[in-house]
C-alpha atoms as a PDB file:
ATOM      1  CA  MET A   1      24.937 -11.703  38.503  1.00  0.00           C
ATOM      2  CA  THR A   2      26.358 -13.933  35.765  1.00  0.00           C
ATOM      3  CA  ASP A   3      24.469 -12.774  32.652  1.00  0.00           C
ATOM      4  CA  PRO A   4      26.041  -9.915  30.646  1.00  0.00           C
ATOM      5  CA  GLU A   5      22.554  -8.570  29.996  1.00  0.00           C
ATOM      6  CA  ASP A   6      22.227  -7.847  33.738  1.00  0.00           C
ATOM      7  CA  TYR A   7      25.293  -5.602  33.770  1.00  0.00           C
ATOM      8  CA  PRO A   8      24.152  -2.256  35.294  1.00  0.00           C
ATOM      9  CA  LEU A   9      24.830   0.750  33.085  1.00  0.00           C
ATOM     10  CA  LEU A  10      26.078   3.996  34.563  1.00  0.00           C
ATOM     11  CA  ARG A  11      23.826   7.012  34.186  1.00  0.00           C
ATOM     12  CA  GLY A  12      26.312   9.258  32.423  1.00  0.00           C
ATOM     13  CA  GLN A  13      29.877  10.235  31.723  1.00  0.00           C
ATOM     14  CA  THR A  14      30.195  11.980  35.080  1.00  0.00           C
ATOM     15  CA  ALA A  15      29.030   8.854  36.912  1.00  0.00           C
ATOM     16  CA  LEU A  16      31.623   6.725  35.133  1.00  0.00           C
ATOM     17  CA  LEU A  17      34.397   9.152  36.051  1.00  0.00           C
ATOM     18  CA  ALA A  18      33.201   9.232  39.670  1.00  0.00           C
ATOM     19  CA  GLN A  19      33.157   5.443  39.873  1.00  0.00           C
ATOM     20  CA  ALA A  20      36.660   5.154  38.430  1.00  0.00           C
ATOM     21  CA  LEU A  21      37.941   7.800  40.848  1.00  0.00           C
ATOM     22  CA  ARG A  22      36.482   5.903  43.817  1.00  0.00           C
ATOM     23  CA  LEU A  23      37.904   2.583  42.688  1.00  0.00           C
ATOM     24  CA  VAL A  24      41.410   3.983  42.235  1.00  0.00           C
ATOM     25  CA  SER A  25      41.631   6.289  45.247  1.00  0.00           C
ATOM     26  CA  ARG A  26      39.610   4.330  47.817  1.00  0.00           C
ATOM     27  CA  ASP A  27      39.623   0.665  46.772  1.00  0.00           C
ATOM     28  CA  GLY A  28      43.116   0.178  45.387  1.00  0.00           C
ATOM     29  CA  TYR A  29      42.190  -0.691  41.798  1.00  0.00           C
ATOM     30  CA  THR A  30      45.348   0.904  40.456  1.00  0.00           C
ATOM     31  CA  TRP A  31      45.949  -1.088  37.263  1.00  0.00           C
ATOM     32  CA  TRP A  32      43.995  -0.069  34.193  1.00  0.00           C
ATOM     33  CA  GLN A  33      43.307  -0.555  30.526  1.00  0.00           C
ATOM     34  CA  VAL A  34      40.976   1.191  28.068  1.00  0.00           C
ATOM     35  CA  GLN A  35      39.881  -0.656  24.953  1.00  0.00           C
ATOM     36  CA  THR A  36      37.048  -0.598  22.418  1.00  0.00           C
ATOM     37  CA  VAL A  37      34.729  -3.377  21.292  1.00  0.00           C
ATOM     38  CA  PRO A  38      32.410  -3.419  18.254  1.00  0.00           C
ATOM     39  CA  VAL A  39      28.886  -2.621  19.395  1.00  0.00           C
ATOM     40  CA  GLU A  40      27.527  -5.857  17.948  1.00  0.00           C
ATOM     41  CA  LYS A  41      29.984  -7.879  20.071  1.00  0.00           C
ATOM     42  CA  ILE A  42      29.541  -6.088  23.386  1.00  0.00           C
ATOM     43  CA  LEU A  43      27.547  -8.870  25.113  1.00  0.00           C
ATOM     44  CA  ALA A  44      30.069 -11.495  24.043  1.00  0.00           C
ATOM     45  CA  ALA A  45      32.942  -9.290  25.174  1.00  0.00           C
ATOM     46  CA  VAL A  46      31.440  -8.788  28.641  1.00  0.00           C
ATOM     47  CA  LYS A  47      30.835 -12.545  28.956  1.00  0.00           C
ATOM     48  CA  LYS A  48      34.438 -13.302  28.002  1.00  0.00           C
ATOM     49  CA  LEU A  49      35.794 -10.739  30.470  1.00  0.00           C
ATOM     50  CA  ASP A  50      33.641 -12.250  33.212  1.00  0.00           C
ATOM     51  CA  GLU A  51      34.959 -15.723  32.477  1.00  0.00           C
ATOM     52  CA  LYS A  52      38.530 -14.446  32.752  1.00  0.00           C
ATOM     53  CA  TYR A  53      38.299 -11.795  35.478  1.00  0.00           C
ATOM     54  CA  ALA A  54      34.936 -12.212  37.257  1.00  0.00           C
ATOM     55  CA  VAL A  55      33.662  -8.739  36.331  1.00  0.00           C
ATOM     56  CA  LEU A  56      30.037  -9.715  37.057  1.00  0.00           C
ATOM     57  CA  ILE A  57      30.367 -11.203  40.546  1.00  0.00           C
ATOM     58  CA  ALA A  58      28.891  -9.731  43.721  1.00  0.00           C
ATOM     59  CA  PRO A  59      30.905  -7.262  45.845  1.00  0.00           C
ATOM     60  CA  LYS A  60      31.589  -9.750  48.669  1.00  0.00           C
ATOM     61  CA  ALA A  61      32.895 -12.408  46.280  1.00  0.00           C
ATOM     62  CA  ARG A  62      34.966  -9.756  44.516  1.00  0.00           C
ATOM     63  CA  ALA A  63      36.565  -8.727  47.825  1.00  0.00           C
ATOM     64  CA  ILE A  64      37.465 -12.362  48.583  1.00  0.00           C
ATOM     65  CA  ARG A  65      39.097 -12.814  45.173  1.00  0.00           C
ATOM     66  CA  LYS A  66      40.964  -9.532  45.599  1.00  0.00           C
ATOM     67  CA  GLU A  67      42.380 -10.575  48.978  1.00  0.00           C
ATOM     68  CA  ALA A  68      43.382 -13.947  47.527  1.00  0.00           C
ATOM     69  CA  ARG A  69      45.129 -12.160  44.634  1.00  0.00           C
ATOM     70  CA  LEU A  70      43.021 -14.045  42.106  1.00  0.00           C
ATOM     71  CA  PRO A  71      42.307 -12.289  38.781  1.00  0.00           C
ATOM     72  CA  VAL A  72      39.461  -9.856  39.399  1.00  0.00           C
ATOM     73  CA  ALA A  73      38.474  -6.566  37.816  1.00  0.00           C
ATOM     74  CA  HIS A  74      35.848  -3.881  37.621  1.00  0.00           C
ATOM     75  CA  LEU A  75      34.402  -3.247  34.192  1.00  0.00           C
ATOM     76  CA  LEU A  76      33.200   0.263  33.345  1.00  0.00           C
ATOM     77  CA  LEU A  77      31.330   0.742  30.071  1.00  0.00           C
ATOM     78  CA  ALA A  78      30.653   3.974  28.230  1.00  0.00           C
ATOM     79  CA  PRO A  79      27.459   5.401  29.767  1.00  0.00           C
ATOM     80  CA  VAL A  80      24.146   5.411  27.957  1.00  0.00           C
ATOM     81  CA  SER A  81      24.282   9.191  27.543  1.00  0.00           C
ATOM     82  CA  VAL A  82      26.908   8.790  24.815  1.00  0.00           C
ATOM     83  CA  MET A  83      25.611   5.487  23.441  1.00  0.00           C
ATOM     84  CA  PRO A  84      22.045   6.203  22.246  1.00  0.00           C
ATOM     85  CA  PRO A  85      20.423   2.948  21.075  1.00  0.00           C
ATOM     86  CA  GLU A  86      19.202   4.457  17.803  1.00  0.00           C
ATOM     87  CA  ASN A  87      22.575   5.786  16.649  1.00  0.00           C
ATOM     88  CA  PRO A  88      25.521   4.435  18.642  1.00  0.00           C
ATOM     89  CA  PRO A  89      29.131   4.834  17.562  1.00  0.00           C
ATOM     90  CA  PRO A  90      30.485   1.695  15.858  1.00  0.00           C
ATOM     91  CA  THR A  91      32.534   0.697  18.883  1.00  0.00           C
ATOM     92  CA  TRP A  92      31.897   0.676  22.611  1.00  0.00           C
ATOM     93  CA  PRO A  93      34.735   1.825  24.903  1.00  0.00           C
ATOM     94  CA  LEU A  94      35.326   0.070  28.181  1.00  0.00           C
ATOM     95  CA  MET A  95      37.702   0.432  31.095  1.00  0.00           C
ATOM     96  CA  LEU A  96      39.159  -2.420  33.103  1.00  0.00           C
ATOM     97  CA  LEU A  97      40.372  -1.577  36.607  1.00  0.00           C
ATOM     98  CA  ALA A  98      42.165  -4.197  38.689  1.00  0.00           C
ATOM     99  CA  PRO A  99      44.080  -4.339  41.987  1.00  0.00           C
ATOM    100  CA  HIS A 100      46.833  -6.372  40.309  1.00  0.00           C
ATOM    101  CA  PRO A 101      47.992  -6.716  36.685  1.00  0.00           C
ATOM    102  CA  LEU A 102      45.723  -8.992  34.659  1.00  0.00           C
ATOM    103  CA  PRO A 103      47.709 -11.672  32.825  1.00  0.00           C
ATOM    104  CA  GLY A 104      48.139 -10.960  29.147  1.00  0.00           C
ATOM    105  CA  GLU A 105      46.233  -7.674  29.148  1.00  0.00           C
ATOM    106  CA  GLY A 106      49.050  -5.128  28.988  1.00  0.00           C
ATOM    107  CA  MET A 107      47.770  -3.252  32.021  1.00  0.00           C
ATOM    108  CA  ARG A 108      49.252   0.080  33.106  1.00  0.00           C
ATOM    109  CA  ARG A 109      49.687   1.248  36.677  1.00  0.00           C
ATOM    110  CA  VAL A 110      47.940   4.462  37.643  1.00  0.00           C
ATOM    111  CA  GLU A 111      50.522   7.185  38.192  1.00  0.00           C
ATOM    112  CA  ALA A 112      49.771   9.677  40.918  1.00  0.00           C
ATOM    113  CA  SER A 113      52.288  12.427  40.228  1.00  0.00           C
ATOM    114  CA  PRO A 114      51.023  15.808  39.002  1.00  0.00           C
ATOM    115  CA  GLU A 115      52.617  15.267  35.592  1.00  0.00           C
ATOM    116  CA  PRO A 116      52.625  11.509  34.929  1.00  0.00           C
ATOM    117  CA  GLN A 117      53.982  10.176  31.674  1.00  0.00           C
ATOM    118  CA  ARG A 118      51.240   7.570  31.215  1.00  0.00           C
ATOM    119  CA  PRO A 119      48.203   8.597  33.274  1.00  0.00           C
ATOM    120  CA  LEU A 120      44.878   6.823  33.418  1.00  0.00           C
ATOM    121  CA  TYR A 121      42.601   8.398  30.841  1.00  0.00           C
ATOM    122  CA  TRP A 122      39.024   8.085  29.691  1.00  0.00           C
ATOM    123  CA  VAL A 123      37.611   8.858  26.266  1.00  0.00           C
ATOM    124  CA  ALA A 124      34.811  10.884  24.687  1.00  0.00           C
ATOM    125  CA  TRP A 125      33.324  10.660  21.197  1.00  0.00           C
ATOM    126  CA  ARG A 126      34.877  13.643  19.427  1.00  0.00           C
ATOM    127  CA  GLU A 127      35.382  14.360  15.745  1.00  0.00           C
ATOM    128  CA  GLY A 128      34.132  10.935  14.745  1.00  0.00           C
ATOM    129  CA  GLU A 129      36.287   8.817  17.040  1.00  0.00           C
ATOM    130  CA  TRP A 130      36.936   7.951  20.664  1.00  0.00           C
ATOM    131  CA  LYS A 131      39.677  10.284  21.872  1.00  0.00           C
ATOM    132  CA  PRO A 132      41.428  10.536  25.263  1.00  0.00           C
ATOM    133  CA  THR A 133      39.609  13.412  26.967  1.00  0.00           C
ATOM    134  CA  TYR A 134      39.864  13.056  30.759  1.00  0.00           C
ATOM    135  CA  VAL A 135      42.968  12.244  32.805  1.00  0.00           C
ATOM    136  CA  LEU A 136      42.948  10.951  36.399  1.00  0.00           C
ATOM    137  CA  ARG A 137      45.838  12.097  38.585  1.00  0.00           C
ATOM    138  CA  LYS A 138      46.560  13.834  41.863  1.00  0.00           C
ATOM    139  CA  ASP A 139      46.408  17.599  42.112  1.00  0.00           C
ATOM    140  CA  GLN A 140      48.997  19.802  43.804  1.00  0.00           C
ATOM    141  CA  ARG A 141      47.418  19.032  47.184  1.00  0.00           C
ATOM    142  CA  GLY A 142      47.731  15.292  46.666  1.00  0.00           C
ATOM    143  CA  ARG A 143      44.026  14.649  45.998  1.00  0.00           C
ATOM    144  CA  TRP A 144      42.840  12.395  43.201  1.00  0.00           C
ATOM    145  CA  THR A 145      40.744  14.206  40.621  1.00  0.00           C
ATOM    146  CA  TRP A 146      39.963  14.338  36.925  1.00  0.00           C
ATOM    147  CA  PHE A 147      41.540  16.856  34.569  1.00  0.00           C
ATOM    148  CA  LEU A 148      40.963  17.579  30.917  1.00  0.00           C
ATOM    149  CA  GLU A 149      43.547  15.912  28.688  1.00  0.00           C
ATOM    150  CA  PRO A 150      46.170  18.615  27.976  1.00  0.00           C
ATOM    151  CA  SER A 151      45.670  18.931  24.212  1.00  0.00           C
ATOM    152  CA  PHE A 152      41.873  19.006  24.636  1.00  0.00           C
ATOM    153  CA  HIS A 153      42.147  21.682  27.325  1.00  0.00           C
ATOM    154  CA  ARG A 154      44.436  23.715  25.097  1.00  0.00           C
ATOM    155  CA  ALA A 155      42.027  23.435  22.157  1.00  0.00           C
ATOM    156  CA  LEU A 156      39.105  24.636  24.304  1.00  0.00           C
ATOM    157  CA  LEU A 157      41.162  27.572  25.569  1.00  0.00           C
ATOM    158  CA  GLU A 158      42.369  28.572  22.120  1.00  0.00           C
ATOM    159  CA  GLU A 159      38.848  28.431  20.691  1.00  0.00           C
ATOM    160  CA  ALA A 160      37.514  30.641  23.475  1.00  0.00           C
ATOM    161  CA  LEU A 161      40.318  33.169  23.075  1.00  0.00           C
ATOM    162  CA  ALA A 162      39.816  33.290  19.314  1.00  0.00           C
ATOM    163  CA  TYR A 163      36.114  34.137  19.710  1.00  0.00           C
ATOM    164  CA  ALA A 164      36.931  36.775  22.308  1.00  0.00           C
ATOM    165  CA  ALA A 165      39.631  38.362  20.154  1.00  0.00           C
ATOM    166  CA  GLU A 166      37.291  38.484  17.162  1.00  0.00           C
ATOM    167  CA  GLY A 167      34.399  39.855  19.190  1.00  0.00           C
ATOM    168  CA  ASP A 168      32.250  36.926  18.045  1.00  0.00           C
ATOM    169  CA  TRP A 169      30.054  36.964  21.127  1.00  0.00           C
ATOM    170  CA  ARG A 170      27.440  34.518  19.816  1.00  0.00           C
ATOM    171  CA  ALA A 171      30.054  31.839  19.248  1.00  0.00           C
ATOM    172  CA  LEU A 172      31.710  32.657  22.572  1.00  0.00           C
ATOM    173  CA  VAL A 173      28.413  32.358  24.486  1.00  0.00           C
ATOM    174  CA  GLY A 174      27.778  28.932  22.950  1.00  0.00           C
ATOM    175  CA  HIS A 175      31.312  27.829  23.725  1.00  0.00           C
ATOM    176  CA  MET A 176      31.133  28.968  27.355  1.00  0.00           C
ATOM    177  CA  LYS A 177      27.761  27.256  27.801  1.00  0.00           C
ATOM    178  CA  ALA A 178      29.260  24.015  26.491  1.00  0.00           C
ATOM    179  CA  LEU A 179      32.140  24.290  28.959  1.00  0.00           C
ATOM    180  CA  GLY A 180      29.592  24.435  31.768  1.00  0.00           C
ATOM    181  CA  ASN A 181      28.385  20.939  30.804  1.00  0.00           C
ATOM    182  CA  LEU A 182      31.758  19.280  31.355  1.00  0.00           C
ATOM    183  CA  PRO A 183      32.086  16.922  34.373  1.00  0.00           C
ATOM    184  CA  MET A 184      33.258  19.520  36.896  1.00  0.00           C
ATOM    185  CA  PHE A 185      35.523  17.519  39.155  1.00  0.00           C
ATOM    186  CA  SER A 186      37.998  19.792  40.898  1.00  0.00           C
ATOM    187  CA  GLY A 187      40.722  19.374  38.259  1.00  0.00           C
ATOM    188  CA  VAL A 188      38.373  20.112  35.367  1.00  0.00           C
ATOM    189  CA  TRP A 189      36.853  22.933  37.418  1.00  0.00           C
ATOM    190  CA  SER A 190      40.237  24.618  37.825  1.00  0.00           C
ATOM    191  CA  GLN A 191      40.984  24.343  34.106  1.00  0.00           C
ATOM    192  CA  VAL A 192      37.595  25.747  33.089  1.00  0.00           C
ATOM    193  CA  GLN A 193      37.999  28.622  35.530  1.00  0.00           C
ATOM    194  CA  GLU A 194      41.363  29.335  33.916  1.00  0.00           C
ATOM    195  CA  ILE A 195      39.638  29.587  30.530  1.00  0.00           C
ATOM    196  CA  ARG A 196      37.090  31.991  32.028  1.00  0.00           C
ATOM    197  CA  ARG A 197      39.814  34.196  33.503  1.00  0.00           C
ATOM    198  CA  ARG A 198      41.762  34.297  30.248  1.00  0.00           C
ATOM    199  CA  VAL A 199      38.640  35.152  28.255  1.00  0.00           C
ATOM    200  CA  GLN A 200      37.597  37.774  30.801  1.00  0.00           C
ATOM    201  CA  LYS A 201      40.989  39.460  30.608  1.00  0.00           C
ATOM    202  CA  LEU A 202      41.117  39.474  26.803  1.00  0.00           C
ATOM    203  CA  TRP A 203      37.519  40.616  26.423  1.00  0.00           C
ATOM    204  CA  GLY A 204      37.992  43.308  29.050  1.00  0.00           C
ATOM    205  CA  ASP A 205      41.099  44.633  27.329  1.00  0.00           C
ATOM    206  CA  ARG A 206      39.384  44.946  23.952  1.00  0.00           C
ATOM    207  CA  HIS A 207      35.601  44.994  24.121  1.00  0.00           C
ATOM    208  CA  LEU A 208      34.186  46.132  27.444  1.00  0.00           C
ATOM    209  CA  ARG A 209      34.053  49.861  26.719  1.00  0.00           C
ATOM    210  CA  ASP A 210      31.456  50.869  24.148  1.00  0.00           C
ATOM    211  CA  PRO A 211      31.810  53.923  21.862  1.00  0.00           C
ATOM    212  CA  SER A 212      29.981  56.144  24.364  1.00  0.00           C
ATOM    213  CA  GLY A 213      32.710  55.476  26.901  1.00  0.00           C
ATOM    214  CA  GLN A 214      30.503  53.402  29.213  1.00  0.00           C
ATOM    215  CA  TRP A 215      31.562  50.033  30.578  1.00  0.00           C
ATOM    216  CA  LYS A 216      29.176  47.199  29.858  1.00  0.00           C
ATOM    217  CA  ALA A 217      28.843  43.569  30.910  1.00  0.00           C
ATOM    218  CA  PRO A 218      30.151  41.003  28.409  1.00  0.00           C
ATOM    219  CA  PRO A 219      27.295  39.086  26.729  1.00  0.00           C
ATOM    220  CA  TRP A 220      28.742  35.758  27.819  1.00  0.00           C
ATOM    221  CA  ARG A 221      28.505  36.566  31.533  1.00  0.00           C
ATOM    222  CA  LYS A 222      25.104  34.891  31.892  1.00  0.00           C
ATOM    223  CA  ALA A 223      26.488  31.672  30.417  1.00  0.00           C
ATOM    224  CA  VAL A 224      29.227  31.629  33.060  1.00  0.00           C
ATOM    225  CA  GLU A 225      26.730  32.376  35.832  1.00  0.00           C
ATOM    226  CA  GLU A 226      24.894  29.175  34.864  1.00  0.00           C
ATOM    227  CA  TRP A 227      27.993  27.042  35.470  1.00  0.00           C
ATOM    228  CA  PRO A 228      28.007  24.831  38.591  1.00  0.00           C
ATOM    229  CA  LYS A 229      28.868  26.950  41.616  1.00  0.00           C
ATOM    230  CA  ALA A 230      31.434  24.533  43.040  1.00  0.00           C
ATOM    231  CA  PRO A 231      33.442  21.464  41.947  1.00  0.00           C
ATOM    232  CA  LEU A 232      31.742  18.076  41.965  1.00  0.00           C
ATOM    233  CA  SER A 233      32.383  15.550  44.704  1.00  0.00           C
ATOM    234  CA  PRO A 234      32.166  11.838  43.814  1.00  0.00           C
ATOM    235  CA  ILE A 235      30.955  11.072  47.340  1.00  0.00           C
ATOM    236  CA  GLY A 236      27.250  10.308  47.385  1.00  0.00           C
ATOM    237  CA  MET A 237      26.827  10.872  43.648  1.00  0.00           C
ATOM    238  CA  ARG A 238      24.038   8.892  41.985  1.00  0.00           C
ATOM    239  CA  LEU A 239      25.692   6.454  39.622  1.00  0.00           C
ATOM    240  CA  TYR A 240      22.871   4.495  38.024  1.00  0.00           C
ATOM    241  CA  PRO A 241      19.812   5.627  36.018  1.00  0.00           C
ATOM    242  CA  GLU A 242      16.273   5.254  37.292  1.00  0.00           C
ATOM    243  CA  GLU A 243      14.779   5.020  33.803  1.00  0.00           C
ATOM    244  CA  PRO A 244      15.555   2.465  31.076  1.00  0.00           C
ATOM    245  CA  PRO A 245      17.995   1.530  29.776  1.00  0.00           C
ATOM    246  CA  ARG A 246      19.294   0.546  33.206  1.00  0.00           C
ATOM    247  CA  THR A 247      21.127  -2.593  32.140  1.00  0.00           C
ATOM    248  CA  LEU A 248      23.118  -3.703  29.144  1.00  0.00           C
ATOM    249  CA  GLY A 249      20.273  -6.035  28.222  1.00  0.00           C
ATOM    250  CA  GLU A 250      17.725  -3.195  28.169  1.00  0.00           C
ATOM    251  CA  TRP A 251      20.055  -1.133  26.011  1.00  0.00           C
ATOM    252  CA  TRP A 252      20.630  -4.064  23.663  1.00  0.00           C
ATOM    253  CA  GLU A 253      16.918  -4.680  23.239  1.00  0.00           C
ATOM    254  CA  ALA A 254      16.314  -1.024  22.378  1.00  0.00           C
ATOM    255  CA  HIS A 255      19.272  -1.133  20.004  1.00  0.00           C
ATOM    256  CA  ARG A 256      17.824  -4.137  18.170  1.00  0.00           C
ATOM    257  CA  LYS A 257      14.372  -2.597  17.912  1.00  0.00           C
ATOM    258  CA  GLY A 258      15.942   0.571  16.573  1.00  0.00           C
ATOM    259  CA  GLY A 259      17.380  -1.345  13.643  1.00  0.00           C
ATOM    260  CA  GLY A 260      20.931  -1.594  14.937  1.00  0.00           C
ATOM    261  CA  GLY A 261      20.995  -5.373  15.013  1.00  0.00           C
END
């Protein structure tokens, strides 16, 4: 593969996080950088990165370059689920992962400690911009996993507790349903379960007993029951979509037809 249009797109945010986790923990791609590129320049940017770091070569050739310590990298693009062709954000985020620092790129080394100062992060489109949202680090057992970025986790917790304290069950149900759609790797899973426990305690202290003196189930319980029953494992996860757009070229063609170019 040498044409940027043939670059295979990942099927969603969860797939991108799973791929990055595999590359860091299993394959030794422990140097990283996240940057954004204007949507209209994405094909040119991928071509330039391939010329410099061979991001489009086949796995066997990549392994040879890696062993020879030649510049080589994996390129991960924002998945199609957050880049709809008809209304994409103005920029396209990408992640470069490499086994060694890439010359001139200002790469950072992945830090494995539970509380790293500069961890690998990935972004999500929030409040009109790409914001750090997921952090890759090791948990207390020494296993690599994704966590919610601390300020984002805190904001989700505070919002849930505010709804519970106010007795605004409709807003709380919607909020808890949205939490269930997060990529539930074990780190995220533990943080979301913490939010559930905190909400359950606050709601139980203030709202579970009705005026007749009977205990009743909180209205948000069904939303929590619909959450995944266990944390996600990146092993064996499907990474690529079966329906178009499956490649950057297919996405670009749809983008042009939709009036974006």
